[in-house]
Amino acid sequence: MIGCEFSSPSPPTLKPKSDAPKSIASRVQNKCLENDMLTLTTSIYETIRFIPMLTVSESEMNEGLDIFSKAVEDVAKEG
């Protein structure tokens, strides 16, 4: 499993800080699902979790990254 946390740029601190827009992870998750890619969010942080198959090809990984990138771009354009 690997995760991608959404947050606004800020100086590094010792305390975790999520000042990303509310529900951004859910919005990205929905965009991914529209393109047949299942992702998971967390209940506390604005984070998307990826849990790929144990055997995944390079082309499948690239396809997933393309779907995720487009979903993030679409949500960013929506504001």
Protein backbone atom coordinates (compact mmCIF):
# COMPACT_ATOMS: atom_id res chain seq x y z
CA MET A 1 0.00 0.00 0.00
CA ILE A 2 1.13 3.52 -0.73
CA GLY A 3 -0.57 6.83 -0.12
CA CYS A 4 -0.69 10.31 -1.56
CA GLU A 5 -1.60 13.08 0.88
CA PHE A 6 -2.98 16.35 -0.44
CA SER A 7 -1.81 19.50 1.30
CA SER A 8 -0.96 23.07 0.50
CA PRO A 9 2.72 23.99 0.25
CA SER A 10 4.13 25.01 3.61
CA PRO A 11 7.46 24.93 5.40
CA PRO A 12 8.38 21.55 6.84
CA THR A 13 7.35 21.07 10.45
CA LEU A 14 7.41 18.26 12.94
CA LYS A 15 3.65 18.29 13.29
CA PRO A 16 1.49 16.87 10.47
CA LYS A 17 -0.67 19.56 8.96
CA SER A 18 -3.33 19.04 6.36
CA ASP A 19 -4.62 22.33 5.05
CA ALA A 20 -5.80 20.91 1.76
CA PRO A 21 -9.30 21.78 0.59
CA LYS A 22 -11.91 19.65 2.33
CA SER A 23 -13.07 16.55 0.45
CA ILE A 24 -10.35 16.83 -2.21
CA ALA A 25 -9.39 13.19 -1.68
CA SER A 26 -13.00 12.08 -2.11
CA ARG A 27 -13.35 14.16 -5.26
CA VAL A 28 -10.19 12.64 -6.75
CA GLN A 29 -11.39 9.19 -5.70
CA ASN A 30 -14.68 9.73 -7.54
CA LYS A 31 -12.88 10.88 -10.69
CA CYS A 32 -10.68 7.77 -10.57
CA LEU A 33 -13.74 5.56 -10.12
CA GLU A 34 -15.36 7.15 -13.19
CA ASN A 35 -12.37 5.76 -15.11
CA ASP A 36 -12.62 2.27 -13.56
CA MET A 37 -9.84 2.73 -11.00
CA LEU A 38 -10.64 1.88 -7.39
CA THR A 39 -8.79 3.85 -4.70
CA LEU A 40 -9.33 4.30 -0.98
CA THR A 41 -9.43 7.45 1.11
CA THR A 42 -8.67 7.77 4.80
CA SER A 43 -11.12 8.91 7.42
CA ILE A 44 -8.96 11.65 8.96
CA TYR A 45 -6.50 13.00 6.39
CA GLU A 46 -6.97 14.13 2.80
CA THR A 47 -5.14 11.06 1.51
CA ILE A 48 -5.66 8.60 -1.31
CA ARG A 49 -4.40 5.05 -0.74
CA PHE A 50 -3.35 2.72 -3.52
CA ILE A 51 -3.34 -1.03 -2.94
CA PRO A 52 -2.23 -2.63 -6.23
CA MET A 53 -2.21 -6.30 -7.06
CA LEU A 54 0.88 -8.23 -6.01
CA THR A 55 1.71 -8.76 -9.67
CA VAL A 56 1.25 -5.64 -11.72
CA SER A 57 2.76 -4.97 -15.11
CA GLU A 58 4.49 -1.76 -16.11
CA SER A 59 1.70 -0.94 -18.56
CA GLU A 60 -0.95 -1.43 -15.84
CA MET A 61 1.02 0.81 -13.50
CA ASN A 62 1.32 3.48 -16.20
CA GLU A 63 -2.41 3.27 -16.91
CA GLY A 64 -3.18 3.76 -13.21
CA LEU A 65 -0.82 6.72 -12.96
CA ASP A 66 -2.40 8.30 -16.04
CA ILE A 67 -5.89 7.92 -14.55
CA PHE A 68 -4.76 9.36 -11.20
CA SER A 69 -2.92 12.29 -12.82
CA LYS A 70 -5.95 13.19 -14.93
CA ALA A 71 -8.24 12.95 -11.90
CA VAL A 72 -6.04 15.33 -9.91
CA GLU A 73 -5.87 17.76 -12.84
CA ASP A 74 -9.66 17.66 -13.29
CA VAL A 75 -10.31 18.34 -9.61
CA ALA A 76 -7.74 21.16 -9.58
CA LYS A 77 -9.45 22.80 -12.57
CA GLU A 78 -12.84 22.55 -10.82
CA GLY A 79 -11.39 24.41 -7.84
